[in-house]
Protein backbone atom coordinates (compact mmCIF):
# COMPACT_ATOMS: atom_id res chain seq x y z
CA MET A 1 22.27 25.65 16.44
CA ARG A 2 20.29 25.58 13.20
CA TYR A 3 18.14 28.54 12.22
CA LEU A 4 15.07 29.00 10.07
CA GLY A 5 15.06 31.30 7.06
CA PRO A 6 12.13 33.41 5.83
CA TYR A 7 11.14 30.79 3.26
CA ASP A 8 11.15 28.07 5.92
CA VAL A 9 8.66 30.17 7.90
CA LEU A 10 6.51 30.69 4.80
CA ALA A 11 6.52 26.95 4.13
CA VAL A 12 5.21 26.28 7.64
CA ALA A 13 2.54 28.95 7.20
CA ALA A 14 1.44 27.41 3.90
CA ARG A 15 1.01 24.00 5.54
CA VAL A 16 -0.90 25.36 8.54
CA LEU A 17 -3.16 27.69 6.57
CA ARG A 18 -3.61 25.08 3.81
CA CYS A 19 -3.16 27.52 0.98
CA PRO A 20 -0.73 27.87 -1.96
CA SER A 21 2.67 29.38 -1.21
CA GLU A 22 2.01 32.38 -3.48
CA ASP A 23 -1.09 33.24 -1.40
CA VAL A 24 0.96 33.03 1.79
CA VAL A 25 3.55 35.42 0.37
CA ARG A 26 0.84 37.96 -0.46
CA ARG A 27 -0.73 37.64 2.99
CA THR A 28 2.50 37.84 5.00
CA GLU A 29 4.65 40.74 6.19
CA LEU A 30 8.06 39.44 5.14
CA ASP A 31 9.91 42.40 6.66
CA ALA A 32 8.41 41.61 10.06
CA ILE A 33 9.45 37.96 9.78
CA GLU A 34 13.01 38.90 8.84
CA ARG A 35 13.29 41.27 11.81
CA VAL A 36 12.18 38.52 14.17
CA LEU A 37 14.59 36.01 12.61
CA ASP A 38 17.45 38.51 12.92
CA GLY A 39 16.74 38.68 16.64
CA VAL A 40 16.72 34.90 16.90
CA ARG A 41 20.16 34.63 15.28
CA MET A 42 21.58 37.03 17.87
CA THR A 43 20.40 34.79 20.72
CA SER A 44 22.32 31.88 22.23
CA GLY A 45 20.59 28.84 23.69
CA LEU A 46 17.70 26.91 22.14
CA ALA A 47 15.05 27.90 24.70
CA GLU A 48 16.11 31.55 24.55
CA ALA A 49 16.06 31.58 20.74
CA ALA A 50 12.66 29.85 20.67
CA GLY A 51 11.35 32.41 23.17
CA VAL A 52 12.49 35.30 20.99
CA LEU A 53 10.90 33.60 17.98
CA LEU A 54 7.55 32.98 19.68
CA ALA A 55 7.24 36.39 21.34
CA GLY A 56 8.41 38.18 18.20
CA LEU A 57 5.96 36.47 15.86
CA VAL A 58 2.99 36.73 18.23
CA ARG A 59 3.57 40.45 18.76
CA ALA A 60 4.49 41.36 15.18
CA ARG A 61 1.47 39.50 13.73
CA PRO A 62 3.08 39.00 10.29
CA PHE A 63 0.53 36.42 9.18
CA ASP A 64 -2.86 37.48 7.86
CA GLY A 65 -5.05 34.97 9.67
CA ALA A 66 -4.37 32.35 12.34
CA ASN A 67 -1.29 34.23 13.55
CA ARG A 68 -1.13 32.27 16.80
CA VAL A 69 -1.29 28.84 15.22
CA VAL A 70 1.36 29.72 12.65
CA SER A 71 3.62 31.25 15.30
CA VAL A 72 3.46 28.14 17.49
CA ALA A 73 3.94 25.89 14.45
CA VAL A 74 7.06 27.84 13.43
CA VAL A 75 8.49 27.45 16.94
CA LEU A 76 7.78 23.70 16.84
CA GLN A 77 9.56 23.49 13.49
CA PHE A 78 12.56 25.43 14.84
CA VAL A 79 12.82 23.25 17.94
CA THR A 80 12.46 20.05 15.91
CA LEU A 81 15.20 21.24 13.56
CA ASN A 82 17.48 21.34 16.59
CA ARG A 83 16.53 17.79 17.68
CA ALA A 84 14.19 18.69 20.49
CA ASP A 85 10.47 18.95 21.15
CA VAL A 86 8.12 21.11 23.23
CA GLN A 87 5.25 19.61 25.19
CA LEU A 88 2.10 21.69 24.62
CA GLU A 89 -0.11 20.14 27.28
CA PRO A 90 -1.92 21.48 29.22
CA VAL A 91 -3.10 23.81 26.50
CA ALA A 92 -4.60 26.31 28.95
CA ASP A 93 -1.09 27.28 30.06
CA VAL A 94 -0.02 27.95 26.48
CA ASP A 95 -3.15 30.01 25.85
CA GLU A 96 -2.40 32.07 28.92
CA LEU A 97 1.18 32.71 27.79
CA LEU A 98 0.04 33.80 24.33
CA ASP A 99 -2.55 36.15 25.87
CA ARG A 100 0.13 37.70 28.08
CA ILE A 101 2.46 38.17 25.11
CA VAL A 102 -0.28 39.87 23.10
CA SER A 103 -1.15 42.19 26.00
CA GLY A 104 2.51 43.03 26.64
CA GLU A 105 2.58 41.45 30.09
CA ALA A 106 5.09 38.82 28.91
CA GLY A 107 7.99 38.96 26.49
CA HIS A 108 10.76 36.78 25.14
CA ARG A 109 12.21 36.04 28.60
CA GLU A 110 8.92 34.66 29.90
CA ALA A 111 8.42 32.73 26.66
CA ALA A 112 11.94 31.28 26.95
CA ALA A 113 11.35 30.21 30.56
CA PHE A 114 8.07 28.58 29.57
CA ILE A 115 9.66 26.70 26.66
CA ARG A 116 12.69 25.66 28.72
CA SER A 117 10.43 23.98 31.28
CA ARG A 118 8.77 21.92 28.52
CA LEU A 119 11.76 21.26 26.28
CA GLU A 120 12.74 17.67 25.55
CA HIS A 121 16.07 17.10 23.82
CA HIS A 122 16.55 14.07 21.59
CA PRO A 123 19.89 12.22 21.92
CA VAL A 124 22.39 12.94 19.16
CA THR A 125 23.98 9.84 17.64
CA ALA A 126 27.29 9.49 15.83
CA GLU A 127 25.30 9.00 12.62
CA ASP A 128 23.58 12.35 13.21
CA LEU A 129 26.94 14.08 13.56
CA GLN A 130 28.22 12.50 10.36
CA ASP A 131 25.07 13.59 8.52
CA ASP A 132 25.46 17.14 9.84
CA LEU A 133 29.05 17.32 8.63
CA ARG A 134 28.15 15.94 5.21
CA ILE A 135 25.27 18.38 4.74
CA GLU A 136 27.39 21.34 5.82
CA LEU A 137 30.01 20.36 3.25
CA LEU A 138 27.32 20.07 0.58
CA LEU A 139 25.49 23.34 1.20
CA GLY A 140 27.33 24.89 -1.72
CA GLU A 141 26.01 22.13 -3.98
CA GLU A 142 22.45 22.81 -2.85
CA THR A 143 22.92 26.45 -3.83
CA LEU A 144 23.85 25.28 -7.33
CA MET A 145 20.67 23.25 -7.46
CA GLN A 146 18.65 26.32 -6.51
CA GLU A 147 20.35 28.29 -9.28
CA TRP A 148 19.32 25.70 -11.87
CA TRP A 149 15.71 25.89 -10.72
CA ARG A 150 15.66 29.68 -10.53
CA GLY A 151 12.65 31.07 -12.33
CA THR A 152 10.54 27.99 -11.57
CA ASP A 153 8.85 26.69 -8.45
CA MET A 154 10.41 23.21 -8.82
CA TYR A 155 12.79 23.65 -5.88
CA GLU A 156 9.93 24.51 -3.53
CA ARG A 157 8.11 21.34 -4.60
CA PHE A 158 10.79 19.12 -3.06
CA SER A 159 10.86 17.98 0.57
CA ASP A 160 14.09 18.30 2.55
CA PRO A 161 14.92 14.57 2.16
CA ALA A 162 14.34 14.80 -1.61
CA ARG A 163 16.60 17.84 -1.82
CA ARG A 164 19.21 15.89 0.10
CA VAL A 165 18.94 13.07 -2.45
CA ILE A 166 19.71 15.49 -5.26
CA VAL A 167 22.60 17.09 -3.37
CA LEU A 168 24.03 13.62 -2.74
CA ALA A 169 23.50 12.72 -6.41
CA GLN A 170 25.68 15.69 -7.34
CA GLU A 171 28.32 14.46 -4.91
CA GLU A 172 28.19 10.97 -6.45
CA ALA A 173 28.60 12.42 -9.95
CA ARG A 174 31.57 14.47 -8.80
CA GLY A 175 33.10 11.39 -7.13
CA LEU A 176 32.93 9.55 -10.47
CA ASP A 177 34.43 12.56 -12.28
CA HIS A 178 31.25 12.90 -14.33
CA THR A 179 30.32 16.27 -15.78
CA TYR A 180 26.55 15.75 -15.48
CA VAL A 181 23.92 14.34 -13.11
CA GLY A 182 21.88 11.53 -14.65
CA THR A 183 19.35 8.99 -13.43
CA GLU A 184 22.17 6.71 -12.27
CA HIS A 185 23.40 9.44 -9.93
CA LEU A 186 19.86 10.05 -8.67
CA LEU A 187 19.67 6.33 -7.85
CA LEU A 188 22.94 6.60 -5.92
CA GLY A 189 21.56 9.67 -4.15
CA VAL A 190 18.46 7.76 -3.00
CA ILE A 191 20.69 4.99 -1.61
CA ALA A 192 23.09 7.45 0.07
CA GLU A 193 20.23 9.33 1.78
CA GLY A 194 19.52 6.05 3.51
CA HIS A 195 16.49 6.94 5.66
CA SER A 196 13.62 6.95 3.17
CA ILE A 197 11.17 4.24 2.17
CA ALA A 198 12.90 4.14 -1.21
CA ALA A 199 16.32 3.34 0.25
CA ARG A 200 14.86 0.62 2.46
CA VAL A 201 13.14 -1.04 -0.48
CA LEU A 202 16.33 -1.15 -2.55
CA SER A 203 18.72 -2.62 0.01
CA PRO A 204 17.05 -6.07 0.49
CA LEU A 205 16.92 -6.45 -3.30
CA GLY A 206 20.70 -6.17 -3.58
CA ILE A 207 20.59 -2.67 -5.05
CA THR A 208 23.42 -1.25 -2.94
CA ALA A 209 25.76 1.68 -3.46
CA ASP A 210 28.73 -0.54 -4.32
CA ALA A 211 26.74 -2.67 -6.77
CA VAL A 212 25.30 0.39 -8.51
CA LYS A 213 28.67 2.15 -8.76
CA ASP A 214 30.26 -0.96 -10.27
CA LEU A 215 27.60 -1.05 -12.98
CA VAL A 216 27.86 2.70 -13.61
CA VAL A 217 31.58 2.27 -14.28
CA GLU A 218 30.88 -0.80 -16.41
CA ILE A 219 28.20 0.91 -18.51
CA ILE A 220 29.58 4.43 -18.97
CA GLY A 221 32.96 4.45 -17.25
CA ARG A 222 34.56 7.12 -15.12
CA GLY A 223 35.11 10.69 -16.21
CA LYS A 224 38.46 11.98 -17.39
CA GLY A 225 39.02 14.60 -14.76
CA GLY A 226 37.64 16.47 -11.78
CA THR A 227 34.76 18.88 -12.23
CA THR A 228 34.38 22.34 -10.76
CA GLY A 229 31.38 24.60 -10.55
CA SER A 230 27.82 23.62 -11.33
CA ILE A 231 27.11 20.11 -12.63
CA PRO A 232 24.14 20.17 -15.05
CA PHE A 233 21.27 17.70 -14.98
CA THR A 234 20.67 15.55 -18.04
CA PRO A 235 17.33 15.77 -19.88
CA ARG A 236 16.45 12.35 -18.45
CA ALA A 237 17.14 13.58 -14.91
CA LYS A 238 14.95 16.64 -15.47
CA SER A 239 12.20 14.38 -16.83
CA THR A 240 12.56 12.28 -13.67
CA PHE A 241 11.92 15.38 -11.56
CA GLU A 242 8.78 16.19 -13.51
CA TYR A 243 7.54 12.60 -13.31
CA ALA A 244 8.21 12.54 -9.56
CA TRP A 245 6.19 15.73 -9.11
CA GLY A 246 3.33 14.19 -11.09
CA GLU A 247 3.41 11.07 -8.89
CA ALA A 248 3.45 13.19 -5.74
CA ARG A 249 0.41 15.19 -6.88
CA ALA A 250 -1.46 12.06 -7.95
CA ARG A 251 -0.95 10.66 -4.44
CA GLY A 252 -2.07 13.84 -2.73
CA ALA A 253 1.39 14.78 -1.45
CA GLU A 254 2.33 18.44 -1.14
CA GLN A 255 6.00 17.82 -1.94
CA VAL A 256 8.19 15.33 -3.75
CA ARG A 257 9.78 12.71 -1.49
CA PRO A 258 12.70 10.35 -2.23
CA GLU A 259 10.26 7.56 -3.06
CA HIS A 260 8.68 9.72 -5.79
CA LEU A 261 12.14 10.29 -7.25
CA LEU A 262 12.74 6.53 -7.28
CA LEU A 263 9.42 6.05 -9.08
CA GLY A 264 10.73 8.46 -11.70
CA VAL A 265 13.94 6.46 -12.11
CA LEU A 266 11.94 3.22 -12.38
CA HIS A 267 9.66 4.78 -14.99
CA ASP A 268 12.58 5.57 -17.31
CA ARG A 269 13.66 2.00 -18.03
CA ASP A 270 15.99 3.08 -20.83
CA GLY A 271 17.90 5.47 -18.60
CA VAL A 272 21.12 4.24 -16.99
CA GLY A 273 19.42 4.18 -13.59
CA GLY A 274 16.60 2.00 -14.91
CA GLN A 275 19.05 -0.31 -16.69
CA ILE A 276 21.03 -0.80 -13.49
CA ILE A 277 17.93 -1.64 -11.45
CA THR A 278 16.89 -4.16 -14.11
CA LYS A 279 20.31 -5.83 -14.02
CA LEU A 280 20.44 -6.04 -10.22
CA ALA A 281 16.81 -6.87 -9.46
CA ALA A 282 15.86 -8.62 -12.73
CA ASP A 283 12.20 -7.59 -12.43
CA ILE A 284 11.87 -3.80 -12.36
CA ASP A 285 8.09 -4.13 -11.98
CA GLN A 286 8.64 -6.06 -8.75
CA VAL A 287 10.74 -3.19 -7.40
CA ARG A 288 7.95 -0.75 -8.21
CA ARG A 289 5.33 -2.99 -6.58
CA LYS A 290 7.35 -3.31 -3.37
CA LEU A 291 7.92 0.44 -3.29
CA GLU A 292 4.25 1.23 -3.85
CA GLU A 293 3.21 -1.24 -1.14
CA ARG A 294 5.38 0.59 1.39
CA MET A 295 4.17 3.98 0.16
CA ASN A 296 0.51 2.97 0.32
CA TYR A 297 0.92 1.67 3.87
CA ARG A 298 2.54 4.88 5.09
CA GLU A 299 0.04 7.11 3.25
CA ARG A 300 -2.94 5.24 4.75
CA SER A 301 -1.46 5.58 8.23
CA GLU A 302 -0.74 9.28 7.83
CA ALA A 303 -4.22 9.89 6.40
CA LEU A 304 -5.72 8.12 9.41
CA VAL A 305 -3.92 10.42 11.84
CA ALA A 306 -4.79 13.50 9.78
CA GLY A 307 -8.44 12.45 9.69
CA MET A 308 -8.51 12.01 13.46
CA LEU A 309 -7.31 15.57 13.91
CA THR A 310 -9.45 17.33 11.28
CA GLU A 311 -11.77 19.99 12.69
CA ASP A 312 -14.41 21.99 10.84
CA THR A 313 -13.45 25.14 12.71
CA GLY A 314 -10.17 25.41 10.80
CA PRO A 315 -6.62 25.23 12.14
CA THR A 316 -5.85 26.10 15.74
CA TRP A 317 -2.47 25.93 17.40
CA THR A 318 -3.83 23.20 19.70
CA THR A 319 -4.82 20.82 16.89
CA TYR A 320 -1.60 21.60 15.05
CA GLY A 321 0.41 20.72 18.16
CA ARG A 322 -1.46 17.44 18.59
CA ARG A 323 -0.90 16.64 14.91
CA HIS A 324 2.80 17.48 15.27
CA HIS A 325 3.28 15.04 18.15
CA LEU A 326 1.11 12.25 16.76
CA VAL A 327 2.65 12.35 13.30
CA HIS A 328 6.13 12.37 14.88
CA GLU A 329 5.23 9.27 16.91
CA LEU A 330 3.56 7.65 13.89
CA ASN A 331 6.63 8.11 11.71
CA ALA A 332 8.81 6.56 14.41
CA VAL A 333 6.50 3.52 14.52
CA LEU A 334 6.44 3.25 10.72
CA ASP A 335 10.23 3.47 10.55
CA GLU A 336 10.55 0.71 13.14
CA ASN A 337 7.98 -1.36 11.22
CA GLU A 338 10.00 -0.95 8.03
CA ARG A 339 13.20 -2.03 9.78
CA LEU A 340 11.39 -5.11 11.09
CA HIS A 341 10.08 -5.80 7.58
CA GLU A 342 13.66 -5.72 6.27
CA GLN A 343 14.84 -8.12 8.97
CA VAL A 344 12.05 -10.57 8.14
CA ALA A 345 12.86 -10.34 4.42
CA ASN A 346 16.55 -10.97 5.12
CA LEU A 347 15.67 -13.97 7.29
CA ARG A 348 13.48 -15.43 4.55
CA ASP A 349 16.30 -15.01 2.02
CA LEU A 350 18.73 -16.70 4.40
CA LEU A 351 16.40 -19.69 4.82
CA ARG A 352 15.99 -20.02 1.05
CA ARG A 353 19.78 -20.02 0.55
CA HIS A 354 19.91 -23.01 2.90
CA ASN A 355 17.13 -24.77 0.95
CA ILE A 356 14.57 -24.18 3.70
CA ASP A 357 11.09 -23.10 2.66
CA PRO A 358 10.23 -20.05 4.83
CA ASP A 359 6.50 -20.62 4.25
CA SER A 360 6.46 -24.25 5.33
């Protein structure tokens, strides 16, 4: 079972309360959160752990404002992390449970029973298990990344998929016996992550892991020996991070995603990553256009859902729960749409190779 840390809880609170992370830290009782999380780690079973988490946060009231909505949102995040979901309808039943917890009539056992009756587990695929193993093996690398960003808030600006890209980039650099992480390794990291818009744009254009690695070896060669310890980022890689953050902010995103990192690689045409994309795709501007088309489509769809759920009265756990479920369903639809888009693009390429005009 996967557990949340204090900073994961603070990140959820920042999203729900719609305020900067530093404000959340000032308004939150961190000691109370850590005590609740300690209790969760001592509990076996997802429903039982979620019950301890919900009852503990509701009673401890560590959040200054909207404690209920944040508590429920944290539980939803915890359950989702463990590939499950909790149905919040009818909302009157949830309200009643929260009232009973506040009054002391109900505790973690009642909360666990309530959650268990509404828990929906998602099937675990072989790909999920492989991803879990890979991430567990790379946790040490992520710690190194945090050390490099210590003293800045850069690490907090990155979404989990973007952090995974950078962890995988470090793995790719190590696999090539390189003593640094450059834009070429970031490109390999985007491809290896595999689930983002960025990865799905690159594949139909022939920008695959094997093709990129071949060109990396051709351009700069392999290293002369294995590397141990922290692998530093090149100045170009650091500039890519800053550019990605600027793109994310310009698009109204709260965190950097893999597609923002790819925009950074595309921006630096003289970097090895940019050179490789130019060699494989010929027109680097076309790659950027295709990426931005996909990004714009997803952003418009997400904004539509967010607009449907906006209320002048501020956040409530009910609207957050509805947003959680709708955005989850929306992302599933968008992912399926992107897969269909790839299949259509592949079919069109196949027809062209056989001298058949796909538009005729």
